[in-house]
Every structure is written in structure tokens, then in C-alpha cells.
Amino acid sequence: MILVDLHLHSTFSDGSLTPEQLAAQGKKRGISVMSLTDHDTTAGLPSFMAACSRLNVRAVPGVELSADYPTTMHILGYRLDYTHPRLAVTLESVRKARDWRNEEMCRNLRKLGFDITLEEVEAEAAGDVVARPHMAKVMVRKGYVQDVASAFSRYLGNSGPAYAQRERLSPEECISLIRETGGVAVLAHPVQTADNYAEIRLVAGKLKEWGLWGMECISAKHSAEQIFQYLSIASGLGLFPTAGSDYHGSSSLSAAMGIAVPEDLLPWARLGVTL
């Protein structure tokens, strides 16, 4: 068995650790393969890859894209060329749509009686990509809610009164972009897309037609039954099972970094690493 983690977030999106700190923590925990998969940005990858190289930790460049779907659907991209011009242009467009959403959500919070401005949220993000966790932190700091989880469950979640939808890439566009930039596409945390295994099988099957390579089956956030079912679905569809913690550090209720998996879980060379 080896420790791997193919789903990590840094301060460049909504994590609490810098890319260098993630690499150092991974080294300390004995993780063999790590991937930084920030939301809609690859800005942290150069420093992450360099830090992993210095520490002799195998690293896979990654990204997590939010797909336009009735429920949460995130597509992970691995071993993509993060200097590809189309990737940069597309992610910039995605971030602009998120900026509009951030402004709208701050307006919604003020309508609900919370004295919160976008400037305060941007200051909380300290120059990184502004996201809902930063709004939640401002709400906690101002005493409007007890913790980040409460902010999401009561106000900022997808069904919350402050939530605003934003333009996203379609699932097919997410997969196409990842493949065009040399990467492989993986469905992240299927438990967030559907709680019905039959539906997940149908969704993953359709994504496979568009070029999906794998499915995130193994996670501390999945129950033993879910892991078993996801592994079965992936096997039946010819998808590779991946493992990731969706680690955000102290910015949310985050699982610990690192997951024990069989050494032959994946064709690691396809992700650009050798064990």
C-alpha cells in the first residue's frame, strides 16, 4: 500500500495552505503522489510542482472544473498542460463569471441584513481567488454565524437565500478542455452529484462517451458502501478509480490529507509519474 492524494486545494482557490505548504505537509505525511486541483485556476501549479520536486515528492498537475449540472458536478483534470493558451483563456472567462456571482451574493447578503461588502471578502481572500468560503469567514468574523459550516447550511449553500448561480462550462466542455490540453478527466466526489447509484452509473456512462477517464471512488468522505459501489461502477464502465481527500486545510471541515491505496491502483505513468 502507498499513500496518495489526488485532490488538494491551496490558497489559490479555497484552501488554507499555500502550494508550498501542501507539498511540505505531503512530504511529512509520507505521501507518494500528490495533485493540486484548485478550482478553476492553475496559478498555484508552478510553485507546487517546484516544491514537490525539491522535496522529492511525485506531483501531478491538476485542476477542478465546475460543470453546469442540476446538482454539483466537478470534473478533475490531471496531467494537463497548464501553460496551454486555451486553458488560460477559458479559465479567465470562468473566473470572470465567478466574480459576477461573488458581487451578486454579497448584494444578497446585504438584502438579508448582513453588513458585508465584496471588498471585505476580497481582503479575506488576501489576493487569492475569491470564493464562498471567504464570504463565510467574514460572516464568522463579524459574528453573524458560529462557523463556516453554518454559513453554508443557512445562507451560502446551493439552496441558500444568498446563493447566486453563475455561468459554467457544460460537462462535455470540461472534458473536452482537459483532453485538448493533454490531460485526463475524472468525475470528482460522485456523492455530490447523485445519491442514487443507478443515476451515478448513468451519468458516468454519459461522461465516458465524452471522454471521461476516471472516477474518484476512494475518499475519506465516502462511506465503505459508497466506495464499494463506486469501484463497481467504475469497473463496469471501464473507468479508472482515483483517490483524493478534497483537502482544504483549516478553511473547512476537511478530511486529513492522504489515502492508502494499492500500489497498482492506477497506471501511474499515464499521470506522468513512476513509482
C-alpha atoms as a PDB file:
ATOM      1  CA  MET A   1       0.000   0.000   0.000  1.00  0.00           C
ATOM      2  CA  ILE A   2       1.048   3.592  -0.623  1.00  0.00           C
ATOM      3  CA  LEU A   3      -0.331   6.977   0.427  1.00  0.00           C
ATOM      4  CA  VAL A   4      -1.643   9.194  -2.364  1.00  0.00           C
ATOM      5  CA  ASP A   5      -3.826  12.283  -2.609  1.00  0.00           C
ATOM      6  CA  LEU A   6      -5.103  13.437  -5.984  1.00  0.00           C
ATOM      7  CA  HIS A   7      -7.491  16.124  -4.726  1.00  0.00           C
ATOM      8  CA  LEU A   8      -5.891  19.037  -2.862  1.00  0.00           C
ATOM      9  CA  HIS A   9      -6.742  22.746  -2.658  1.00  0.00           C
ATOM     10  CA  SER A  10      -4.441  25.653  -1.898  1.00  0.00           C
ATOM     11  CA  THR A  11      -4.795  29.345  -1.110  1.00  0.00           C
ATOM     12  CA  PHE A  12      -5.066  29.969  -4.856  1.00  0.00           C
ATOM     13  CA  SER A  13      -8.678  28.797  -4.622  1.00  0.00           C
ATOM     14  CA  ASP A  14     -10.380  27.962  -1.331  1.00  0.00           C
ATOM     15  CA  GLY A  15      -7.735  26.115   0.683  1.00  0.00           C
ATOM     16  CA  SER A  16      -5.875  27.438   3.724  1.00  0.00           C
ATOM     17  CA  LEU A  17      -2.348  26.266   2.833  1.00  0.00           C
ATOM     18  CA  THR A  18      -0.054  27.622   0.147  1.00  0.00           C
ATOM     19  CA  PRO A  19       1.092  25.224  -2.595  1.00  0.00           C
ATOM     20  CA  GLU A  20       4.497  25.031  -0.909  1.00  0.00           C
ATOM     21  CA  GLN A  21       2.918  24.225   2.448  1.00  0.00           C
ATOM     22  CA  LEU A  22       0.813  21.486   0.856  1.00  0.00           C
ATOM     23  CA  ALA A  23       3.927  19.933  -0.650  1.00  0.00           C
ATOM     24  CA  ALA A  24       5.745  20.097   2.700  1.00  0.00           C
ATOM     25  CA  GLN A  25       2.809  18.566   4.567  1.00  0.00           C
ATOM     26  CA  GLY A  26       2.527  15.809   1.992  1.00  0.00           C
ATOM     27  CA  LYS A  27       6.223  15.020   2.396  1.00  0.00           C
ATOM     28  CA  LYS A  28       5.858  14.961   6.190  1.00  0.00           C
ATOM     29  CA  ARG A  29       2.895  12.557   5.951  1.00  0.00           C
ATOM     30  CA  GLY A  30       4.779  10.220   3.612  1.00  0.00           C
ATOM     31  CA  ILE A  31       2.500  10.737   0.603  1.00  0.00           C
ATOM     32  CA  SER A  32       3.923   9.228  -2.578  1.00  0.00           C
ATOM     33  CA  VAL A  33       1.812  11.012  -5.213  1.00  0.00           C
ATOM     34  CA  MET A  34       0.047  14.384  -4.845  1.00  0.00           C
ATOM     35  CA  SER A  35      -2.042  16.558  -7.139  1.00  0.00           C
ATOM     36  CA  LEU A  36      -3.019  20.199  -6.649  1.00  0.00           C
ATOM     37  CA  THR A  37      -6.534  20.620  -8.065  1.00  0.00           C
ATOM     38  CA  ASP A  38      -7.593  24.179  -7.316  1.00  0.00           C
ATOM     39  CA  HIS A  39     -10.998  25.384  -8.500  1.00  0.00           C
ATOM     40  CA  ASP A  40     -10.888  26.924 -11.993  1.00  0.00           C
ATOM     41  CA  THR A  41      -7.261  28.038 -11.709  1.00  0.00           C
ATOM     42  CA  THR A  42      -3.800  26.634 -12.356  1.00  0.00           C
ATOM     43  CA  ALA A  43      -1.991  29.644 -10.863  1.00  0.00           C
ATOM     44  CA  GLY A  44      -0.632  27.632  -7.929  1.00  0.00           C
ATOM     45  CA  LEU A  45       0.796  24.814 -10.015  1.00  0.00           C
ATOM     46  CA  PRO A  46       4.255  26.249 -10.859  1.00  0.00           C
ATOM     47  CA  SER A  47       5.153  26.728  -7.183  1.00  0.00           C
ATOM     48  CA  PHE A  48       3.514  23.423  -6.187  1.00  0.00           C
ATOM     49  CA  MET A  49       5.367  21.416  -8.825  1.00  0.00           C
ATOM     50  CA  ALA A  50       8.665  23.112  -7.954  1.00  0.00           C
ATOM     51  CA  ALA A  51       8.193  22.479  -4.228  1.00  0.00           C
ATOM     52  CA  CYS A  52       7.347  18.810  -4.792  1.00  0.00           C
ATOM     53  CA  SER A  53      10.415  18.442  -6.999  1.00  0.00           C
ATOM     54  CA  ARG A  54      12.660  19.908  -4.273  1.00  0.00           C
ATOM     55  CA  LEU A  55      11.124  17.574  -1.695  1.00  0.00           C
ATOM     56  CA  ASN A  56      11.289  14.526  -3.967  1.00  0.00           C
ATOM     57  CA  VAL A  57       7.500  14.049  -3.902  1.00  0.00           C
ATOM     58  CA  ARG A  58       5.830  12.858  -7.105  1.00  0.00           C
ATOM     59  CA  ALA A  59       3.421  15.547  -8.296  1.00  0.00           C
ATOM     60  CA  VAL A  60       0.641  15.622 -10.877  1.00  0.00           C
ATOM     61  CA  PRO A  61      -0.558  18.987 -12.223  1.00  0.00           C
ATOM     62  CA  GLY A  62      -4.317  19.264 -11.859  1.00  0.00           C
ATOM     63  CA  VAL A  63      -7.417  21.455 -11.835  1.00  0.00           C
ATOM     64  CA  GLU A  64     -11.035  21.119 -10.687  1.00  0.00           C
ATOM     65  CA  LEU A  65     -13.709  22.478 -13.032  1.00  0.00           C
ATOM     66  CA  SER A  66     -17.297  23.167 -12.025  1.00  0.00           C
ATOM     67  CA  ALA A  67     -19.689  21.801 -14.651  1.00  0.00           C
ATOM     68  CA  ASP A  68     -23.153  23.126 -15.456  1.00  0.00           C
ATOM     69  CA  TYR A  69     -25.441  20.473 -13.997  1.00  0.00           C
ATOM     70  CA  PRO A  70     -28.609  20.482 -11.847  1.00  0.00           C
ATOM     71  CA  THR A  71     -26.583  19.256  -8.863  1.00  0.00           C
ATOM     72  CA  THR A  72     -22.903  19.692  -8.020  1.00  0.00           C
ATOM     73  CA  MET A  73     -20.672  18.210 -10.695  1.00  0.00           C
ATOM     74  CA  HIS A  74     -16.936  18.757 -10.563  1.00  0.00           C
ATOM     75  CA  ILE A  75     -14.549  17.406 -13.176  1.00  0.00           C
ATOM     76  CA  LEU A  76     -10.914  16.923 -12.205  1.00  0.00           C
ATOM     77  CA  GLY A  77      -8.220  17.268 -14.843  1.00  0.00           C
ATOM     78  CA  TYR A  78      -4.852  15.559 -14.371  1.00  0.00           C
ATOM     79  CA  ARG A  79      -1.516  15.878 -16.185  1.00  0.00           C
ATOM     80  CA  LEU A  80      -2.837  18.713 -18.311  1.00  0.00           C
ATOM     81  CA  ASP A  81      -0.568  21.313 -19.898  1.00  0.00           C
ATOM     82  CA  TYR A  82      -1.247  24.191 -17.524  1.00  0.00           C
ATOM     83  CA  THR A  83       0.554  26.626 -19.870  1.00  0.00           C
ATOM     84  CA  HIS A  84      -1.826  25.870 -22.759  1.00  0.00           C
ATOM     85  CA  PRO A  85      -3.245  29.148 -24.202  1.00  0.00           C
ATOM     86  CA  ARG A  86      -6.830  27.876 -24.499  1.00  0.00           C
ATOM     87  CA  LEU A  87      -6.804  26.707 -20.906  1.00  0.00           C
ATOM     88  CA  ALA A  88      -5.699  30.138 -19.703  1.00  0.00           C
ATOM     89  CA  VAL A  89      -8.345  31.963 -21.760  1.00  0.00           C
ATOM     90  CA  THR A  90     -11.149  29.616 -20.718  1.00  0.00           C
ATOM     91  CA  LEU A  91     -10.297  29.700 -17.019  1.00  0.00           C
ATOM     92  CA  GLU A  92     -10.125  33.504 -17.140  1.00  0.00           C
ATOM     93  CA  SER A  93     -13.672  33.560 -18.556  1.00  0.00           C
ATOM     94  CA  VAL A  94     -14.829  31.165 -15.843  1.00  0.00           C
ATOM     95  CA  ARG A  95     -13.291  33.341 -13.137  1.00  0.00           C
ATOM     96  CA  LYS A  96     -14.983  36.464 -14.517  1.00  0.00           C
ATOM     97  CA  ALA A  97     -18.334  34.681 -14.251  1.00  0.00           C
ATOM     98  CA  ARG A  98     -17.464  33.779 -10.654  1.00  0.00           C
ATOM     99  CA  ASP A  99     -16.542  37.420  -9.928  1.00  0.00           C
ATOM    100  CA  TRP A 100     -20.018  38.456 -11.044  1.00  0.00           C
ATOM    101  CA  ARG A 101     -21.520  35.781  -8.809  1.00  0.00           C
ATOM    102  CA  ASN A 102     -19.472  36.991  -5.838  1.00  0.00           C
ATOM    103  CA  GLU A 103     -20.795  40.522  -6.281  1.00  0.00           C
ATOM    104  CA  GLU A 104     -24.366  39.244  -6.563  1.00  0.00           C
ATOM    105  CA  MET A 105     -24.057  37.082  -3.454  1.00  0.00           C
ATOM    106  CA  CYS A 106     -22.688  39.982  -1.419  1.00  0.00           C
ATOM    107  CA  ARG A 107     -25.690  42.044  -2.546  1.00  0.00           C
ATOM    108  CA  ASN A 108     -27.977  39.192  -1.494  1.00  0.00           C
ATOM    109  CA  LEU A 109     -26.330  39.032   1.933  1.00  0.00           C
ATOM    110  CA  ARG A 110     -26.882  42.753   2.431  1.00  0.00           C
ATOM    111  CA  LYS A 111     -30.544  42.312   1.469  1.00  0.00           C
ATOM    112  CA  LEU A 112     -30.731  39.708   4.238  1.00  0.00           C
ATOM    113  CA  GLY A 113     -29.420  42.256   6.714  1.00  0.00           C
ATOM    114  CA  PHE A 114     -25.715  41.352   6.801  1.00  0.00           C
ATOM    115  CA  ASP A 115     -23.276  44.243   6.509  1.00  0.00           C
ATOM    116  CA  ILE A 116     -20.825  42.542   4.145  1.00  0.00           C
ATOM    117  CA  THR A 117     -19.095  44.075   1.131  1.00  0.00           C
ATOM    118  CA  LEU A 118     -17.180  42.462  -1.706  1.00  0.00           C
ATOM    119  CA  GLU A 119     -14.137  44.490  -0.639  1.00  0.00           C
ATOM    120  CA  GLU A 120     -14.188  42.785   2.768  1.00  0.00           C
ATOM    121  CA  VAL A 121     -14.454  39.371   1.150  1.00  0.00           C
ATOM    122  CA  GLU A 122     -11.582  40.161  -1.215  1.00  0.00           C
ATOM    123  CA  ALA A 123      -9.476  41.262   1.743  1.00  0.00           C
ATOM    124  CA  GLU A 124     -10.280  37.962   3.474  1.00  0.00           C
ATOM    125  CA  ALA A 125      -9.083  36.105   0.368  1.00  0.00           C
ATOM    126  CA  ALA A 126      -5.806  38.088   0.526  1.00  0.00           C
ATOM    127  CA  GLY A 127      -5.267  38.159  -3.216  1.00  0.00           C
ATOM    128  CA  ASP A 128      -6.335  34.607  -3.946  1.00  0.00           C
ATOM    129  CA  VAL A 129      -9.368  33.523  -5.991  1.00  0.00           C
ATOM    130  CA  VAL A 130     -12.421  34.798  -4.104  1.00  0.00           C
ATOM    131  CA  ALA A 131     -14.948  32.080  -3.288  1.00  0.00           C
ATOM    132  CA  ARG A 132     -17.840  31.339  -0.945  1.00  0.00           C
ATOM    133  CA  PRO A 133     -15.571  30.116   1.914  1.00  0.00           C
ATOM    134  CA  HIS A 134     -14.153  33.641   2.104  1.00  0.00           C
ATOM    135  CA  MET A 135     -17.680  35.064   2.470  1.00  0.00           C
ATOM    136  CA  ALA A 136     -18.314  32.517   5.200  1.00  0.00           C
ATOM    137  CA  LYS A 137     -15.164  33.577   7.061  1.00  0.00           C
ATOM    138  CA  VAL A 138     -16.281  37.217   7.011  1.00  0.00           C
ATOM    139  CA  MET A 139     -19.671  36.155   8.372  1.00  0.00           C
ATOM    140  CA  VAL A 140     -17.968  34.243  11.187  1.00  0.00           C
ATOM    141  CA  ARG A 141     -15.596  37.108  11.979  1.00  0.00           C
ATOM    142  CA  LYS A 142     -18.497  39.557  12.210  1.00  0.00           C
ATOM    143  CA  GLY A 143     -20.470  37.232  14.451  1.00  0.00           C
ATOM    144  CA  TYR A 144     -23.345  36.565  12.041  1.00  0.00           C
ATOM    145  CA  VAL A 145     -22.822  32.782  12.201  1.00  0.00           C
ATOM    146  CA  GLN A 146     -20.962  30.463  14.545  1.00  0.00           C
ATOM    147  CA  ASP A 147     -18.811  28.730  11.953  1.00  0.00           C
ATOM    148  CA  VAL A 148     -18.194  28.255   8.224  1.00  0.00           C
ATOM    149  CA  ALA A 149     -20.424  25.174   8.060  1.00  0.00           C
ATOM    150  CA  SER A 150     -23.357  27.183   9.458  1.00  0.00           C
ATOM    151  CA  ALA A 151     -22.810  29.929   6.894  1.00  0.00           C
ATOM    152  CA  PHE A 152     -23.101  27.397   4.097  1.00  0.00           C
ATOM    153  CA  SER A 153     -26.009  25.419   5.510  1.00  0.00           C
ATOM    154  CA  ARG A 154     -28.086  28.524   6.282  1.00  0.00           C
ATOM    155  CA  TYR A 155     -27.124  31.087   3.646  1.00  0.00           C
ATOM    156  CA  LEU A 156     -24.383  30.290   1.110  1.00  0.00           C
ATOM    157  CA  GLY A 157     -25.176  26.722   0.020  1.00  0.00           C
ATOM    158  CA  ASN A 158     -26.730  25.953  -3.363  1.00  0.00           C
ATOM    159  CA  SER A 159     -30.232  26.237  -1.892  1.00  0.00           C
ATOM    160  CA  GLY A 160     -29.428  29.103   0.484  1.00  0.00           C
ATOM    161  CA  PRO A 161     -31.116  32.530   0.249  1.00  0.00           C
ATOM    162  CA  ALA A 162     -27.866  34.306  -0.621  1.00  0.00           C
ATOM    163  CA  TYR A 163     -26.821  31.877  -3.350  1.00  0.00           C
ATOM    164  CA  ALA A 164     -26.484  33.080  -6.938  1.00  0.00           C
ATOM    165  CA  GLN A 165     -25.966  30.830  -9.953  1.00  0.00           C
ATOM    166  CA  ARG A 166     -23.176  31.541 -12.409  1.00  0.00           C
ATOM    167  CA  GLU A 167     -22.326  30.541 -15.938  1.00  0.00           C
ATOM    168  CA  ARG A 168     -20.359  27.334 -16.116  1.00  0.00           C
ATOM    169  CA  LEU A 169     -18.889  25.055 -18.737  1.00  0.00           C
ATOM    170  CA  SER A 170     -21.021  22.087 -19.713  1.00  0.00           C
ATOM    171  CA  PRO A 171     -19.740  18.662 -18.594  1.00  0.00           C
ATOM    172  CA  GLU A 172     -18.787  17.913 -22.196  1.00  0.00           C
ATOM    173  CA  GLU A 173     -16.892  21.219 -22.474  1.00  0.00           C
ATOM    174  CA  CYS A 174     -14.997  20.490 -19.234  1.00  0.00           C
ATOM    175  CA  ILE A 175     -13.876  17.092 -20.503  1.00  0.00           C
ATOM    176  CA  SER A 176     -13.023  18.456 -23.945  1.00  0.00           C
ATOM    177  CA  LEU A 177     -10.883  21.237 -22.465  1.00  0.00           C
ATOM    178  CA  ILE A 178      -8.967  18.812 -20.259  1.00  0.00           C
ATOM    179  CA  ARG A 179      -8.363  16.404 -23.136  1.00  0.00           C
ATOM    180  CA  GLU A 180      -7.364  19.194 -25.538  1.00  0.00           C
ATOM    181  CA  THR A 181      -4.696  20.335 -23.078  1.00  0.00           C
ATOM    182  CA  GLY A 182      -3.261  16.816 -22.832  1.00  0.00           C
ATOM    183  CA  GLY A 183      -4.933  15.729 -19.618  1.00  0.00           C
ATOM    184  CA  VAL A 184      -7.309  13.042 -18.413  1.00  0.00           C
ATOM    185  CA  ALA A 185     -10.738  13.844 -16.944  1.00  0.00           C
ATOM    186  CA  VAL A 186     -12.125  12.362 -13.725  1.00  0.00           C
ATOM    187  CA  LEU A 187     -15.545  12.764 -12.087  1.00  0.00           C
ATOM    188  CA  ALA A 188     -14.911  14.154  -8.590  1.00  0.00           C
ATOM    189  CA  HIS A 189     -16.815  13.065  -5.449  1.00  0.00           C
ATOM    190  CA  PRO A 190     -19.800  11.419  -7.211  1.00  0.00           C
ATOM    191  CA  VAL A 191     -21.667  11.511  -3.888  1.00  0.00           C
ATOM    192  CA  GLN A 192     -22.214  15.230  -4.520  1.00  0.00           C
ATOM    193  CA  THR A 193     -23.659  14.621  -7.980  1.00  0.00           C
ATOM    194  CA  ALA A 194     -26.233  11.981  -7.020  1.00  0.00           C
ATOM    195  CA  ASP A 195     -27.059   9.832  -4.009  1.00  0.00           C
ATOM    196  CA  ASN A 196     -28.551   7.145  -6.234  1.00  0.00           C
ATOM    197  CA  TYR A 197     -26.067   4.590  -7.564  1.00  0.00           C
ATOM    198  CA  ALA A 198     -28.157   3.892 -10.660  1.00  0.00           C
ATOM    199  CA  GLU A 199     -28.121   7.586 -11.525  1.00  0.00           C
ATOM    200  CA  ILE A 200     -24.382   7.837 -10.960  1.00  0.00           C
ATOM    201  CA  ARG A 201     -23.906   4.898 -13.307  1.00  0.00           C
ATOM    202  CA  LEU A 202     -25.975   6.639 -15.984  1.00  0.00           C
ATOM    203  CA  VAL A 203     -24.192   9.969 -15.509  1.00  0.00           C
ATOM    204  CA  ALA A 204     -20.726   8.412 -15.528  1.00  0.00           C
ATOM    205  CA  GLY A 205     -21.642   6.359 -18.592  1.00  0.00           C
ATOM    206  CA  LYS A 206     -22.645   9.502 -20.492  1.00  0.00           C
ATOM    207  CA  LEU A 207     -19.473  11.295 -19.395  1.00  0.00           C
ATOM    208  CA  LYS A 208     -17.472   8.274 -20.576  1.00  0.00           C
ATOM    209  CA  GLU A 209     -18.944   8.777 -24.056  1.00  0.00           C
ATOM    210  CA  TRP A 210     -17.494  12.294 -23.976  1.00  0.00           C
ATOM    211  CA  GLY A 211     -14.067  11.062 -22.931  1.00  0.00           C
ATOM    212  CA  LEU A 212     -14.166  10.679 -19.135  1.00  0.00           C
ATOM    213  CA  TRP A 213     -11.104   8.699 -17.987  1.00  0.00           C
ATOM    214  CA  GLY A 214     -11.817   8.003 -14.339  1.00  0.00           C
ATOM    215  CA  MET A 215     -13.999   8.450 -11.261  1.00  0.00           C
ATOM    216  CA  GLU A 216     -12.966   9.489  -7.768  1.00  0.00           C
ATOM    217  CA  CYS A 217     -14.006   6.361  -5.883  1.00  0.00           C
ATOM    218  CA  ILE A 218     -11.858   6.359  -2.752  1.00  0.00           C
ATOM    219  CA  SER A 219     -12.196   9.179  -0.245  1.00  0.00           C
ATOM    220  CA  ALA A 220     -12.491   9.628   3.495  1.00  0.00           C
ATOM    221  CA  LYS A 221     -15.721  11.463   2.688  1.00  0.00           C
ATOM    222  CA  HIS A 222     -17.196   8.293   1.165  1.00  0.00           C
ATOM    223  CA  SER A 223     -18.656   5.519   3.288  1.00  0.00           C
ATOM    224  CA  ALA A 224     -17.380   1.960   2.873  1.00  0.00           C
ATOM    225  CA  GLU A 225     -20.543   1.104   0.945  1.00  0.00           C
ATOM    226  CA  GLN A 226     -20.132   4.110  -1.343  1.00  0.00           C
ATOM    227  CA  ILE A 227     -16.529   3.195  -2.083  1.00  0.00           C
ATOM    228  CA  PHE A 228     -17.570  -0.367  -2.916  1.00  0.00           C
ATOM    229  CA  GLN A 229     -20.388   0.831  -5.186  1.00  0.00           C
ATOM    230  CA  TYR A 230     -18.237   3.449  -6.925  1.00  0.00           C
ATOM    231  CA  LEU A 231     -15.466   0.942  -7.556  1.00  0.00           C
ATOM    232  CA  SER A 232     -18.051  -1.416  -9.042  1.00  0.00           C
ATOM    233  CA  ILE A 233     -19.492   1.305 -11.272  1.00  0.00           C
ATOM    234  CA  ALA A 234     -16.044   2.403 -12.446  1.00  0.00           C
ATOM    235  CA  SER A 235     -15.018  -1.171 -13.199  1.00  0.00           C
ATOM    236  CA  GLY A 236     -18.208  -1.837 -15.143  1.00  0.00           C
ATOM    237  CA  LEU A 237     -17.733   1.284 -17.260  1.00  0.00           C
ATOM    238  CA  GLY A 238     -14.008   0.850 -17.821  1.00  0.00           C
ATOM    239  CA  LEU A 239     -13.129   3.948 -15.801  1.00  0.00           C
ATOM    240  CA  PHE A 240     -10.017   4.230 -13.637  1.00  0.00           C
ATOM    241  CA  PRO A 241     -10.699   4.651  -9.887  1.00  0.00           C
ATOM    242  CA  THR A 242      -8.866   7.551  -8.286  1.00  0.00           C
ATOM    243  CA  ALA A 243      -8.358   8.558  -4.646  1.00  0.00           C
ATOM    244  CA  GLY A 244      -8.437  12.031  -3.127  1.00  0.00           C
ATOM    245  CA  SER A 245      -9.290  13.715   0.156  1.00  0.00           C
ATOM    246  CA  ASP A 246     -10.627  17.018  -1.250  1.00  0.00           C
ATOM    247  CA  TYR A 247      -8.311  18.572   1.324  1.00  0.00           C
ATOM    248  CA  HIS A 248      -8.885  22.264   2.097  1.00  0.00           C
ATOM    249  CA  GLY A 249      -6.942  22.557   5.343  1.00  0.00           C
ATOM    250  CA  SER A 250      -8.440  24.620   8.142  1.00  0.00           C
ATOM    251  CA  SER A 251     -10.738  26.603   5.809  1.00  0.00           C
ATOM    252  CA  SER A 252     -13.498  23.997   6.040  1.00  0.00           C
ATOM    253  CA  LEU A 253     -14.424  20.704   7.634  1.00  0.00           C
ATOM    254  CA  SER A 254     -11.646  18.929   5.800  1.00  0.00           C
ATOM    255  CA  ALA A 255     -10.584  15.317   5.785  1.00  0.00           C
ATOM    256  CA  ALA A 256      -6.952  14.545   6.578  1.00  0.00           C
ATOM    257  CA  MET A 257      -4.501  14.544   3.701  1.00  0.00           C
ATOM    258  CA  GLY A 258      -3.502  11.188   2.230  1.00  0.00           C
ATOM    259  CA  ILE A 259      -5.325   7.950   1.382  1.00  0.00           C
ATOM    260  CA  ALA A 260      -3.861   4.442   1.496  1.00  0.00           C
ATOM    261  CA  VAL A 261      -4.352   2.568  -1.791  1.00  0.00           C
ATOM    262  CA  PRO A 262      -2.827  -0.451  -3.539  1.00  0.00           C
ATOM    263  CA  GLU A 263       0.335   0.458  -5.405  1.00  0.00           C
ATOM    264  CA  ASP A 264      -1.194  -0.729  -8.691  1.00  0.00           C
ATOM    265  CA  LEU A 265      -4.427   1.277  -8.307  1.00  0.00           C
ATOM    266  CA  LEU A 266      -3.697   3.376 -11.394  1.00  0.00           C
ATOM    267  CA  PRO A 267      -1.457   3.339 -14.467  1.00  0.00           C
ATOM    268  CA  TRP A 268       0.702   5.988 -12.851  1.00  0.00           C
ATOM    269  CA  ALA A 269       2.730   6.581 -15.996  1.00  0.00           C
ATOM    270  CA  ARG A 270      -0.420   7.960 -17.637  1.00  0.00           C
ATOM    271  CA  LEU A 271      -0.377  10.643 -14.955  1.00  0.00           C
ATOM    272  CA  GLY A 272       3.297  11.335 -15.594  1.00  0.00           C
ATOM    273  CA  VAL A 273       4.757   9.661 -12.514  1.00  0.00           C
ATOM    274  CA  THR A 274       6.675   6.473 -11.809  1.00  0.00           C
ATOM    275  CA  LEU A 275       6.657   4.610  -8.519  1.00  0.00           C
END
